[in-house]
Amino acid sequence: MTRLHLVRHAPTHARTMLGWTDRAADLGDSAALARLSAALPRPALLVSSDLGRAATTADRLAEGRSRLPHDPRLREIHFGAWEDRSFAAIEASTPNRIRDFWQNAGPSRAPGGESWDDLTARVTAALDGLLAAHPGGEIVVVAHFGPILVALQRALGLTVQQTFGHRIEPLSLTRISHDAGQWTVEAINQIL
């Protein structure tokens, strides 16, 4: 059995759509980081998205864990022209497009950005690569809201809209195991 410990990066406090925008994480809650680190296995492999907010969070969780290279396939969804813009500004300028983006999430995309289907393909490839390369391992994956939802969607067999009903808070832990082609969800959005 291989267990994935999916950690959402520390908060950015952004009130905008952050996909590939490289906003720094607030790592000031040392107690929360210590509790999270204590809940993660040692030894374990540790991998993160290459975006700074995930990579620096992973740096804080690295003690006693073997660090794998950053993986850009674990990035958040790319919001294209909507990057680093407020929801209100996007709604005001492209109300039908943003509505379609959420209501028809699979193929819809922001102008110049990715669709949910694009995100799913690249995150699934990254996770499948980890499972194939490290069977039976404990793997800590520090990533973003979208990639963690992709893993949950796959493990639970949900539609995109059902998946959007899950909360994934900063510094939360979601645990999923994989054994002989079967997925088991052990925890979702666990705040320690």
N, C-alpha and C. Protein backbone atom coordinates (compact mmCIF):
# COMPACT_ATOMS: atom_id res chain seq x y z
N MET A 1 0.85 -1.19 0.00
CA MET A 1 0.00 0.00 0.00
C MET A 1 0.89 1.25 0.00
N THR A 2 0.53 2.20 -0.83
CA THR A 2 1.22 3.48 -0.88
C THR A 2 0.27 4.53 -0.31
N ARG A 3 0.78 5.35 0.58
CA ARG A 3 -0.06 6.38 1.20
C ARG A 3 0.43 7.76 0.77
N LEU A 4 -0.52 8.57 0.28
CA LEU A 4 -0.25 9.96 -0.08
C LEU A 4 -0.77 10.86 1.02
N HIS A 5 0.09 11.68 1.56
CA HIS A 5 -0.27 12.67 2.59
C HIS A 5 -0.29 14.02 1.87
N LEU A 6 -1.46 14.46 1.48
CA LEU A 6 -1.61 15.67 0.67
C LEU A 6 -1.79 16.88 1.58
N VAL A 7 -0.85 17.80 1.50
CA VAL A 7 -0.84 18.99 2.35
C VAL A 7 -1.05 20.22 1.48
N ARG A 8 -2.01 21.05 1.87
CA ARG A 8 -2.14 22.32 1.18
C ARG A 8 -1.15 23.30 1.80
N HIS A 9 -0.51 24.08 0.97
CA HIS A 9 0.49 25.05 1.41
C HIS A 9 -0.06 26.01 2.46
N ALA A 10 0.83 26.72 3.13
CA ALA A 10 0.45 27.74 4.12
C ALA A 10 -0.31 28.87 3.43
N PRO A 11 -1.09 29.64 4.18
CA PRO A 11 -1.95 30.66 3.56
C PRO A 11 -1.16 31.78 2.88
N THR A 12 -1.78 32.34 1.85
CA THR A 12 -1.20 33.51 1.18
C THR A 12 -1.96 34.78 1.54
N HIS A 13 -3.15 34.63 2.06
CA HIS A 13 -4.05 35.75 2.41
C HIS A 13 -4.50 36.53 1.18
N ALA A 14 -4.33 35.94 0.01
CA ALA A 14 -4.76 36.59 -1.22
C ALA A 14 -6.28 36.56 -1.32
N ARG A 15 -6.82 37.59 -1.88
CA ARG A 15 -8.26 37.66 -2.15
C ARG A 15 -8.49 37.69 -3.66
N THR A 16 -7.61 37.02 -4.36
CA THR A 16 -7.66 36.97 -5.81
C THR A 16 -7.53 35.52 -6.26
N MET A 17 -7.70 35.29 -7.54
CA MET A 17 -7.54 33.94 -8.09
C MET A 17 -6.04 33.70 -8.32
N LEU A 18 -5.47 32.89 -7.46
CA LEU A 18 -4.05 32.57 -7.57
C LEU A 18 -3.90 31.17 -8.12
N GLY A 19 -3.41 31.10 -9.29
CA GLY A 19 -3.08 29.82 -9.88
C GLY A 19 -1.57 29.73 -9.93
N TRP A 20 -1.01 30.18 -11.06
CA TRP A 20 0.44 30.14 -11.23
C TRP A 20 1.12 31.42 -10.73
N THR A 21 0.34 32.39 -10.26
CA THR A 21 0.94 33.58 -9.66
C THR A 21 1.72 33.14 -8.44
N ASP A 22 2.97 33.53 -8.35
CA ASP A 22 3.84 33.02 -7.30
C ASP A 22 3.83 33.94 -6.08
N ARG A 23 2.77 33.89 -5.34
CA ARG A 23 2.61 34.68 -4.12
C ARG A 23 3.21 33.90 -2.95
N ALA A 24 3.91 34.58 -2.07
CA ALA A 24 4.56 33.93 -0.92
C ALA A 24 3.53 33.44 0.09
N ALA A 25 3.88 32.36 0.77
CA ALA A 25 3.04 31.83 1.85
C ALA A 25 3.43 32.49 3.17
N ASP A 26 2.45 32.60 4.05
CA ASP A 26 2.67 33.09 5.40
C ASP A 26 3.02 31.89 6.28
N LEU A 27 4.29 31.78 6.63
CA LEU A 27 4.77 30.65 7.44
C LEU A 27 4.90 31.02 8.91
N GLY A 28 4.17 32.05 9.33
CA GLY A 28 4.30 32.56 10.69
C GLY A 28 3.66 31.70 11.77
N ASP A 29 2.76 30.78 11.41
CA ASP A 29 2.11 29.95 12.42
C ASP A 29 2.97 28.71 12.69
N SER A 30 4.02 28.92 13.46
CA SER A 30 4.98 27.84 13.74
C SER A 30 4.32 26.67 14.46
N ALA A 31 3.36 26.96 15.34
CA ALA A 31 2.69 25.89 16.08
C ALA A 31 1.90 24.99 15.13
N ALA A 32 1.18 25.58 14.18
CA ALA A 32 0.41 24.78 13.22
C ALA A 32 1.35 23.95 12.34
N LEU A 33 2.44 24.54 11.92
CA LEU A 33 3.42 23.80 11.11
C LEU A 33 4.03 22.66 11.91
N ALA A 34 4.30 22.88 13.18
CA ALA A 34 4.87 21.82 14.03
C ALA A 34 3.86 20.68 14.22
N ARG A 35 2.59 21.02 14.45
CA ARG A 35 1.56 19.97 14.60
C ARG A 35 1.41 19.17 13.31
N LEU A 36 1.42 19.86 12.19
CA LEU A 36 1.30 19.18 10.90
C LEU A 36 2.50 18.27 10.67
N SER A 37 3.69 18.77 10.91
CA SER A 37 4.89 17.97 10.73
C SER A 37 4.87 16.73 11.62
N ALA A 38 4.41 16.89 12.85
CA ALA A 38 4.35 15.75 13.78
C ALA A 38 3.36 14.68 13.32
N ALA A 39 2.33 15.08 12.57
CA ALA A 39 1.32 14.14 12.09
C ALA A 39 1.75 13.40 10.82
N LEU A 40 2.82 13.88 10.19
CA LEU A 40 3.30 13.26 8.96
C LEU A 40 4.34 12.20 9.28
N PRO A 41 4.40 11.14 8.49
CA PRO A 41 5.33 10.05 8.79
C PRO A 41 6.79 10.44 8.58
N ARG A 42 7.63 9.83 9.39
CA ARG A 42 9.07 9.88 9.24
C ARG A 42 9.54 8.43 9.36
N PRO A 43 10.26 7.93 8.46
CA PRO A 43 10.70 8.57 7.23
C PRO A 43 9.58 8.60 6.20
N ALA A 44 9.74 9.49 5.27
CA ALA A 44 8.81 9.62 4.15
C ALA A 44 9.51 10.39 3.04
N LEU A 45 8.98 10.26 1.85
CA LEU A 45 9.43 11.09 0.75
C LEU A 45 8.61 12.37 0.78
N LEU A 46 9.19 13.45 0.32
CA LEU A 46 8.51 14.75 0.32
C LEU A 46 8.70 15.39 -1.04
N VAL A 47 7.58 15.78 -1.66
CA VAL A 47 7.61 16.44 -2.96
C VAL A 47 6.64 17.61 -2.89
N SER A 48 6.92 18.64 -3.68
CA SER A 48 6.01 19.78 -3.71
C SER A 48 5.91 20.33 -5.12
N SER A 49 4.88 21.13 -5.30
CA SER A 49 4.78 21.97 -6.48
C SER A 49 6.02 22.86 -6.51
N ASP A 50 6.34 23.36 -7.69
CA ASP A 50 7.50 24.26 -7.79
C ASP A 50 7.16 25.71 -7.46
N LEU A 51 5.88 26.03 -7.23
CA LEU A 51 5.52 27.40 -6.85
C LEU A 51 5.99 27.66 -5.42
N GLY A 52 6.46 28.88 -5.18
CA GLY A 52 7.08 29.23 -3.91
C GLY A 52 6.24 28.93 -2.69
N ARG A 53 4.93 29.18 -2.73
CA ARG A 53 4.10 28.97 -1.54
C ARG A 53 4.07 27.50 -1.13
N ALA A 54 4.15 26.59 -2.10
CA ALA A 54 4.20 25.16 -1.77
C ALA A 54 5.62 24.73 -1.40
N ALA A 55 6.60 25.20 -2.15
CA ALA A 55 7.99 24.80 -1.91
C ALA A 55 8.47 25.25 -0.53
N THR A 56 8.14 26.48 -0.12
CA THR A 56 8.59 26.95 1.19
C THR A 56 7.84 26.25 2.33
N THR A 57 6.58 25.90 2.09
CA THR A 57 5.86 25.11 3.09
C THR A 57 6.53 23.75 3.22
N ALA A 58 6.87 23.13 2.11
CA ALA A 58 7.55 21.83 2.13
C ALA A 58 8.90 21.94 2.85
N ASP A 59 9.62 23.04 2.64
CA ASP A 59 10.90 23.23 3.34
C ASP A 59 10.72 23.13 4.85
N ARG A 60 9.63 23.69 5.35
CA ARG A 60 9.36 23.67 6.79
C ARG A 60 8.97 22.29 7.30
N LEU A 61 8.54 21.41 6.39
CA LEU A 61 8.12 20.06 6.77
C LEU A 61 9.17 19.01 6.43
N ALA A 62 10.34 19.42 5.99
CA ALA A 62 11.33 18.50 5.43
C ALA A 62 12.08 17.66 6.46
N GLU A 63 12.15 18.08 7.69
CA GLU A 63 12.95 17.37 8.69
C GLU A 63 12.56 15.90 8.78
N GLY A 64 13.56 15.03 8.60
CA GLY A 64 13.34 13.59 8.68
C GLY A 64 12.70 12.99 7.45
N ARG A 65 12.62 13.75 6.39
CA ARG A 65 11.99 13.28 5.16
C ARG A 65 12.94 13.50 3.98
N SER A 66 12.92 12.59 3.03
CA SER A 66 13.78 12.70 1.85
C SER A 66 13.07 13.54 0.80
N ARG A 67 13.73 14.61 0.40
CA ARG A 67 13.13 15.57 -0.53
C ARG A 67 13.33 15.13 -1.97
N LEU A 68 12.23 15.06 -2.71
CA LEU A 68 12.27 14.82 -4.15
C LEU A 68 12.29 16.17 -4.85
N PRO A 69 12.70 16.23 -6.12
CA PRO A 69 12.68 17.51 -6.84
C PRO A 69 11.25 18.07 -6.94
N HIS A 70 11.15 19.39 -6.94
CA HIS A 70 9.85 20.04 -7.15
C HIS A 70 9.24 19.53 -8.45
N ASP A 71 7.91 19.42 -8.46
CA ASP A 71 7.24 18.92 -9.65
C ASP A 71 6.24 19.97 -10.13
N PRO A 72 6.50 20.62 -11.27
CA PRO A 72 5.57 21.64 -11.78
C PRO A 72 4.20 21.08 -12.14
N ARG A 73 4.08 19.77 -12.30
CA ARG A 73 2.76 19.19 -12.60
C ARG A 73 1.83 19.27 -11.39
N LEU A 74 2.37 19.57 -10.22
CA LEU A 74 1.56 19.70 -9.00
C LEU A 74 1.11 21.13 -8.75
N ARG A 75 1.35 22.01 -9.72
CA ARG A 75 0.90 23.41 -9.59
C ARG A 75 -0.62 23.51 -9.53
N GLU A 76 -1.08 24.64 -9.04
CA GLU A 76 -2.50 24.97 -9.07
C GLU A 76 -2.94 25.14 -10.52
N ILE A 77 -4.23 25.17 -10.75
CA ILE A 77 -4.77 25.42 -12.09
C ILE A 77 -4.32 26.81 -12.55
N HIS A 78 -4.01 26.92 -13.83
CA HIS A 78 -3.58 28.21 -14.38
C HIS A 78 -4.83 28.99 -14.79
N PHE A 79 -5.03 30.16 -14.17
CA PHE A 79 -6.21 30.97 -14.42
C PHE A 79 -6.04 31.95 -15.57
N GLY A 80 -4.94 31.88 -16.30
CA GLY A 80 -4.76 32.72 -17.48
C GLY A 80 -4.97 34.19 -17.20
N ALA A 81 -5.85 34.82 -17.97
CA ALA A 81 -6.12 36.27 -17.85
C ALA A 81 -6.76 36.63 -16.51
N TRP A 82 -7.25 35.65 -15.79
CA TRP A 82 -7.87 35.91 -14.48
C TRP A 82 -6.87 35.86 -13.33
N GLU A 83 -5.62 35.49 -13.63
CA GLU A 83 -4.60 35.39 -12.58
C GLU A 83 -4.50 36.68 -11.77
N ASP A 84 -4.51 36.52 -10.47
CA ASP A 84 -4.30 37.59 -9.49
C ASP A 84 -5.34 38.71 -9.61
N ARG A 85 -6.52 38.37 -10.12
CA ARG A 85 -7.64 39.32 -10.18
C ARG A 85 -8.70 38.87 -9.19
N SER A 86 -9.44 39.80 -8.64
CA SER A 86 -10.49 39.47 -7.68
C SER A 86 -11.67 38.80 -8.40
N PHE A 87 -12.41 38.03 -7.63
CA PHE A 87 -13.59 37.38 -8.18
C PHE A 87 -14.58 38.42 -8.69
N ALA A 88 -14.73 39.50 -7.93
CA ALA A 88 -15.67 40.57 -8.30
C ALA A 88 -15.26 41.21 -9.64
N ALA A 89 -13.97 41.45 -9.83
CA ALA A 89 -13.50 42.05 -11.08
C ALA A 89 -13.74 41.11 -12.26
N ILE A 90 -13.52 39.84 -12.05
CA ILE A 90 -13.73 38.86 -13.12
C ILE A 90 -15.22 38.76 -13.44
N GLU A 91 -16.04 38.70 -12.41
CA GLU A 91 -17.49 38.64 -12.59
C GLU A 91 -17.99 39.86 -13.34
N ALA A 92 -17.44 41.03 -13.03
CA ALA A 92 -17.87 42.27 -13.69
C ALA A 92 -17.48 42.29 -15.17
N SER A 93 -16.32 41.73 -15.49
CA SER A 93 -15.84 41.82 -16.87
C SER A 93 -16.27 40.65 -17.75
N THR A 94 -16.40 39.46 -17.18
CA THR A 94 -16.77 38.28 -17.97
C THR A 94 -17.74 37.39 -17.18
N PRO A 95 -18.94 37.90 -16.87
CA PRO A 95 -19.86 37.14 -16.00
C PRO A 95 -20.26 35.77 -16.56
N ASN A 96 -20.52 35.69 -17.83
CA ASN A 96 -20.93 34.40 -18.40
C ASN A 96 -19.78 33.41 -18.42
N ARG A 97 -18.61 33.90 -18.70
CA ARG A 97 -17.44 33.01 -18.78
C ARG A 97 -17.06 32.45 -17.42
N ILE A 98 -17.07 33.29 -16.38
CA ILE A 98 -16.72 32.80 -15.04
C ILE A 98 -17.81 31.84 -14.53
N ARG A 99 -19.06 32.12 -14.83
CA ARG A 99 -20.15 31.22 -14.44
C ARG A 99 -19.97 29.86 -15.10
N ASP A 100 -19.65 29.88 -16.40
CA ASP A 100 -19.43 28.64 -17.13
C ASP A 100 -18.22 27.88 -16.57
N PHE A 101 -17.20 28.62 -16.17
CA PHE A 101 -15.99 28.01 -15.62
C PHE A 101 -16.32 27.15 -14.41
N TRP A 102 -17.21 27.61 -13.55
CA TRP A 102 -17.57 26.85 -12.34
C TRP A 102 -18.68 25.85 -12.61
N GLN A 103 -19.65 26.18 -13.44
CA GLN A 103 -20.80 25.30 -13.65
C GLN A 103 -20.52 24.19 -14.66
N ASN A 104 -19.58 24.41 -15.55
CA ASN A 104 -19.20 23.44 -16.57
C ASN A 104 -17.70 23.21 -16.46
N ALA A 105 -17.29 22.88 -15.26
CA ALA A 105 -15.88 22.94 -14.89
C ALA A 105 -14.95 22.03 -15.70
N GLY A 106 -15.38 20.90 -16.15
CA GLY A 106 -14.46 20.00 -16.86
C GLY A 106 -13.74 20.65 -18.02
N PRO A 107 -14.45 21.03 -19.10
CA PRO A 107 -13.79 21.57 -20.28
C PRO A 107 -13.62 23.09 -20.29
N SER A 108 -14.32 23.80 -19.44
CA SER A 108 -14.26 25.28 -19.47
C SER A 108 -12.92 25.77 -18.93
N ARG A 109 -12.52 26.92 -19.44
CA ARG A 109 -11.22 27.47 -19.02
C ARG A 109 -11.29 28.98 -18.99
N ALA A 110 -10.43 29.56 -18.19
CA ALA A 110 -10.25 31.01 -18.20
C ALA A 110 -9.55 31.38 -19.51
N PRO A 111 -9.74 32.61 -19.98
CA PRO A 111 -9.03 33.02 -21.20
C PRO A 111 -7.51 32.85 -21.03
N GLY A 112 -6.91 32.04 -21.87
CA GLY A 112 -5.47 31.80 -21.80
C GLY A 112 -5.04 30.87 -20.68
N GLY A 113 -6.00 30.24 -20.01
CA GLY A 113 -5.68 29.37 -18.88
C GLY A 113 -5.99 27.91 -19.15
N GLU A 114 -6.02 27.15 -18.07
CA GLU A 114 -6.29 25.72 -18.15
C GLU A 114 -7.74 25.42 -17.81
N SER A 115 -8.19 24.27 -18.25
CA SER A 115 -9.49 23.74 -17.83
C SER A 115 -9.26 22.78 -16.67
N TRP A 116 -10.35 22.39 -16.01
CA TRP A 116 -10.26 21.37 -14.96
C TRP A 116 -9.73 20.07 -15.56
N ASP A 117 -10.13 19.76 -16.78
CA ASP A 117 -9.65 18.54 -17.44
C ASP A 117 -8.14 18.60 -17.65
N ASP A 118 -7.62 19.77 -18.01
CA ASP A 118 -6.16 19.93 -18.17
C ASP A 118 -5.45 19.69 -16.83
N LEU A 119 -5.97 20.33 -15.78
CA LEU A 119 -5.39 20.17 -14.45
C LEU A 119 -5.42 18.70 -14.04
N THR A 120 -6.55 18.05 -14.25
CA THR A 120 -6.69 16.64 -13.87
C THR A 120 -5.67 15.77 -14.58
N ALA A 121 -5.46 16.00 -15.86
CA ALA A 121 -4.50 15.19 -16.63
C ALA A 121 -3.09 15.34 -16.09
N ARG A 122 -2.66 16.57 -15.81
CA ARG A 122 -1.27 16.72 -15.36
C ARG A 122 -1.06 16.27 -13.93
N VAL A 123 -2.03 16.53 -13.04
CA VAL A 123 -1.88 16.09 -11.64
C VAL A 123 -1.95 14.56 -11.56
N THR A 124 -2.86 13.96 -12.32
CA THR A 124 -2.96 12.50 -12.34
C THR A 124 -1.65 11.88 -12.82
N ALA A 125 -1.04 12.46 -13.85
CA ALA A 125 0.25 11.96 -14.34
C ALA A 125 1.32 12.05 -13.25
N ALA A 126 1.33 13.16 -12.51
CA ALA A 126 2.32 13.33 -11.44
C ALA A 126 2.11 12.29 -10.34
N LEU A 127 0.87 12.12 -9.91
CA LEU A 127 0.59 11.17 -8.82
C LEU A 127 0.83 9.74 -9.27
N ASP A 128 0.44 9.41 -10.51
CA ASP A 128 0.71 8.06 -11.02
C ASP A 128 2.21 7.79 -11.09
N GLY A 129 2.98 8.81 -11.46
CA GLY A 129 4.44 8.66 -11.48
C GLY A 129 5.00 8.39 -10.10
N LEU A 130 4.49 9.08 -9.10
CA LEU A 130 4.93 8.84 -7.72
C LEU A 130 4.57 7.43 -7.26
N LEU A 131 3.35 7.00 -7.57
CA LEU A 131 2.92 5.66 -7.17
C LEU A 131 3.77 4.58 -7.83
N ALA A 132 4.08 4.78 -9.11
CA ALA A 132 4.87 3.78 -9.83
C ALA A 132 6.32 3.74 -9.35
N ALA A 133 6.87 4.91 -9.05
CA ALA A 133 8.28 4.98 -8.65
C ALA A 133 8.53 4.58 -7.20
N HIS A 134 7.49 4.70 -6.37
CA HIS A 134 7.67 4.47 -4.92
C HIS A 134 6.56 3.59 -4.35
N PRO A 135 6.38 2.39 -4.90
CA PRO A 135 5.30 1.54 -4.39
C PRO A 135 5.53 1.17 -2.93
N GLY A 136 4.45 1.21 -2.16
CA GLY A 136 4.55 0.86 -0.75
C GLY A 136 5.12 1.95 0.12
N GLY A 137 5.31 3.14 -0.43
CA GLY A 137 5.94 4.21 0.33
C GLY A 137 4.95 5.14 1.00
N GLU A 138 5.50 5.97 1.84
CA GLU A 138 4.79 7.08 2.46
C GLU A 138 5.28 8.34 1.74
N ILE A 139 4.37 9.07 1.10
CA ILE A 139 4.75 10.22 0.29
C ILE A 139 3.97 11.44 0.74
N VAL A 140 4.68 12.48 1.14
CA VAL A 140 4.07 13.75 1.50
C VAL A 140 4.11 14.64 0.27
N VAL A 141 2.94 15.11 -0.15
CA VAL A 141 2.82 15.96 -1.34
C VAL A 141 2.30 17.31 -0.89
N VAL A 142 3.11 18.36 -1.02
CA VAL A 142 2.69 19.71 -0.66
C VAL A 142 2.28 20.42 -1.94
N ALA A 143 1.00 20.74 -2.00
CA ALA A 143 0.47 21.29 -3.25
C ALA A 143 -0.60 22.34 -2.95
N HIS A 144 -1.61 22.37 -3.78
CA HIS A 144 -2.60 23.45 -3.78
C HIS A 144 -4.00 22.86 -3.73
N PHE A 145 -4.96 23.75 -3.58
CA PHE A 145 -6.37 23.38 -3.51
C PHE A 145 -6.79 22.47 -4.67
N GLY A 146 -6.54 22.92 -5.91
CA GLY A 146 -6.97 22.17 -7.09
C GLY A 146 -6.37 20.79 -7.19
N PRO A 147 -5.05 20.64 -7.10
CA PRO A 147 -4.47 19.30 -7.19
C PRO A 147 -4.96 18.34 -6.10
N ILE A 148 -5.20 18.86 -4.90
CA ILE A 148 -5.71 17.98 -3.84
C ILE A 148 -7.14 17.55 -4.17
N LEU A 149 -7.94 18.47 -4.71
CA LEU A 149 -9.29 18.09 -5.14
C LEU A 149 -9.26 17.07 -6.27
N VAL A 150 -8.31 17.19 -7.19
CA VAL A 150 -8.17 16.22 -8.27
C VAL A 150 -7.95 14.82 -7.68
N ALA A 151 -7.05 14.72 -6.70
CA ALA A 151 -6.78 13.42 -6.07
C ALA A 151 -8.03 12.87 -5.39
N LEU A 152 -8.77 13.74 -4.70
CA LEU A 152 -10.00 13.31 -4.04
C LEU A 152 -11.05 12.87 -5.06
N GLN A 153 -11.19 13.63 -6.13
CA GLN A 153 -12.17 13.30 -7.16
C GLN A 153 -11.91 11.89 -7.68
N ARG A 154 -10.67 11.62 -7.96
CA ARG A 154 -10.29 10.31 -8.48
C ARG A 154 -10.54 9.20 -7.46
N ALA A 155 -10.09 9.43 -6.23
CA ALA A 155 -10.19 8.40 -5.20
C ALA A 155 -11.64 8.10 -4.82
N LEU A 156 -12.49 9.12 -4.83
CA LEU A 156 -13.89 8.95 -4.43
C LEU A 156 -14.83 8.71 -5.60
N GLY A 157 -14.33 8.85 -6.83
CA GLY A 157 -15.17 8.65 -8.00
C GLY A 157 -16.27 9.69 -8.13
N LEU A 158 -15.95 10.95 -7.81
CA LEU A 158 -16.93 12.03 -7.81
C LEU A 158 -16.96 12.77 -9.14
N THR A 159 -18.06 13.47 -9.36
CA THR A 159 -18.11 14.42 -10.47
C THR A 159 -17.33 15.67 -10.04
N VAL A 160 -17.04 16.52 -10.99
CA VAL A 160 -16.35 17.77 -10.67
C VAL A 160 -17.18 18.60 -9.69
N GLN A 161 -18.48 18.70 -9.94
CA GLN A 161 -19.32 19.52 -9.06
C GLN A 161 -19.38 18.95 -7.65
N GLN A 162 -19.43 17.65 -7.50
CA GLN A 162 -19.39 17.04 -6.16
C GLN A 162 -18.05 17.32 -5.49
N THR A 163 -17.00 17.27 -6.26
CA THR A 163 -15.67 17.51 -5.73
C THR A 163 -15.55 18.93 -5.17
N PHE A 164 -16.15 19.90 -5.87
CA PHE A 164 -16.08 21.29 -5.42
C PHE A 164 -16.74 21.50 -4.06
N GLY A 165 -17.52 20.56 -3.60
CA GLY A 165 -18.15 20.67 -2.29
C GLY A 165 -17.20 20.44 -1.12
N HIS A 166 -15.99 20.01 -1.39
CA HIS A 166 -15.00 19.76 -0.33
C HIS A 166 -14.17 21.01 -0.05
N ARG A 167 -13.94 21.26 1.21
CA ARG A 167 -13.05 22.34 1.61
C ARG A 167 -11.65 21.77 1.78
N ILE A 168 -10.67 22.52 1.36
CA ILE A 168 -9.26 22.17 1.54
C ILE A 168 -8.58 23.44 2.05
N GLU A 169 -8.40 23.53 3.34
CA GLU A 169 -7.86 24.73 3.98
C GLU A 169 -6.33 24.75 3.91
N PRO A 170 -5.74 25.94 3.99
CA PRO A 170 -4.28 26.01 4.09
C PRO A 170 -3.78 25.21 5.30
N LEU A 171 -2.69 24.55 5.13
CA LEU A 171 -2.06 23.70 6.14
C LEU A 171 -2.95 22.55 6.60
N SER A 172 -3.86 22.13 5.73
CA SER A 172 -4.68 20.95 6.05
C SER A 172 -4.02 19.71 5.47
N LEU A 173 -4.44 18.57 6.01
CA LEU A 173 -3.91 17.28 5.59
C LEU A 173 -5.06 16.42 5.06
N THR A 174 -4.86 15.88 3.88
CA THR A 174 -5.78 14.91 3.28
C THR A 174 -4.96 13.66 3.02
N ARG A 175 -5.45 12.51 3.50
CA ARG A 175 -4.70 11.25 3.34
C ARG A 175 -5.48 10.31 2.43
N ILE A 176 -4.75 9.78 1.45
CA ILE A 176 -5.32 8.83 0.50
C ILE A 176 -4.33 7.68 0.34
N SER A 177 -4.83 6.46 0.37
CA SER A 177 -3.94 5.32 0.14
C SER A 177 -4.36 4.59 -1.13
N HIS A 178 -3.39 3.93 -1.72
CA HIS A 178 -3.61 3.20 -2.97
C HIS A 178 -3.00 1.81 -2.81
N ASP A 179 -3.81 0.79 -3.08
CA ASP A 179 -3.33 -0.58 -2.93
C ASP A 179 -4.03 -1.45 -3.97
N ALA A 180 -3.25 -2.09 -4.80
CA ALA A 180 -3.76 -3.01 -5.82
C ALA A 180 -4.89 -2.39 -6.64
N GLY A 181 -4.69 -1.14 -7.06
CA GLY A 181 -5.66 -0.46 -7.90
C GLY A 181 -6.85 0.13 -7.17
N GLN A 182 -6.90 -0.01 -5.88
CA GLN A 182 -8.01 0.51 -5.08
C GLN A 182 -7.57 1.72 -4.27
N TRP A 183 -8.44 2.73 -4.22
CA TRP A 183 -8.17 3.94 -3.45
C TRP A 183 -8.98 3.91 -2.15
N THR A 184 -8.37 4.41 -1.09
CA THR A 184 -9.05 4.60 0.19
C THR A 184 -8.76 6.00 0.67
N VAL A 185 -9.80 6.75 0.99
CA VAL A 185 -9.63 8.09 1.54
C VAL A 185 -9.68 7.96 3.06
N GLU A 186 -8.60 8.34 3.71
CA GLU A 186 -8.49 8.19 5.17
C GLU A 186 -8.85 9.46 5.92
N ALA A 187 -8.60 10.62 5.31
CA ALA A 187 -8.90 11.91 5.96
C ALA A 187 -9.00 12.97 4.87
N ILE A 188 -9.89 13.93 5.10
CA ILE A 188 -10.04 15.05 4.17
C ILE A 188 -10.00 16.34 4.97
N ASN A 189 -9.13 17.24 4.56
CA ASN A 189 -9.07 18.60 5.15
C ASN A 189 -8.89 18.55 6.67
N GLN A 190 -8.01 17.71 7.13
CA GLN A 190 -7.75 17.58 8.56
C GLN A 190 -6.90 18.75 9.02
N ILE A 191 -7.41 19.51 9.99
CA ILE A 191 -6.66 20.63 10.57
C ILE A 191 -6.10 20.15 11.90
N LEU A 192 -4.80 20.24 12.07
CA LEU A 192 -4.17 19.70 13.27
C LEU A 192 -3.85 20.79 14.28
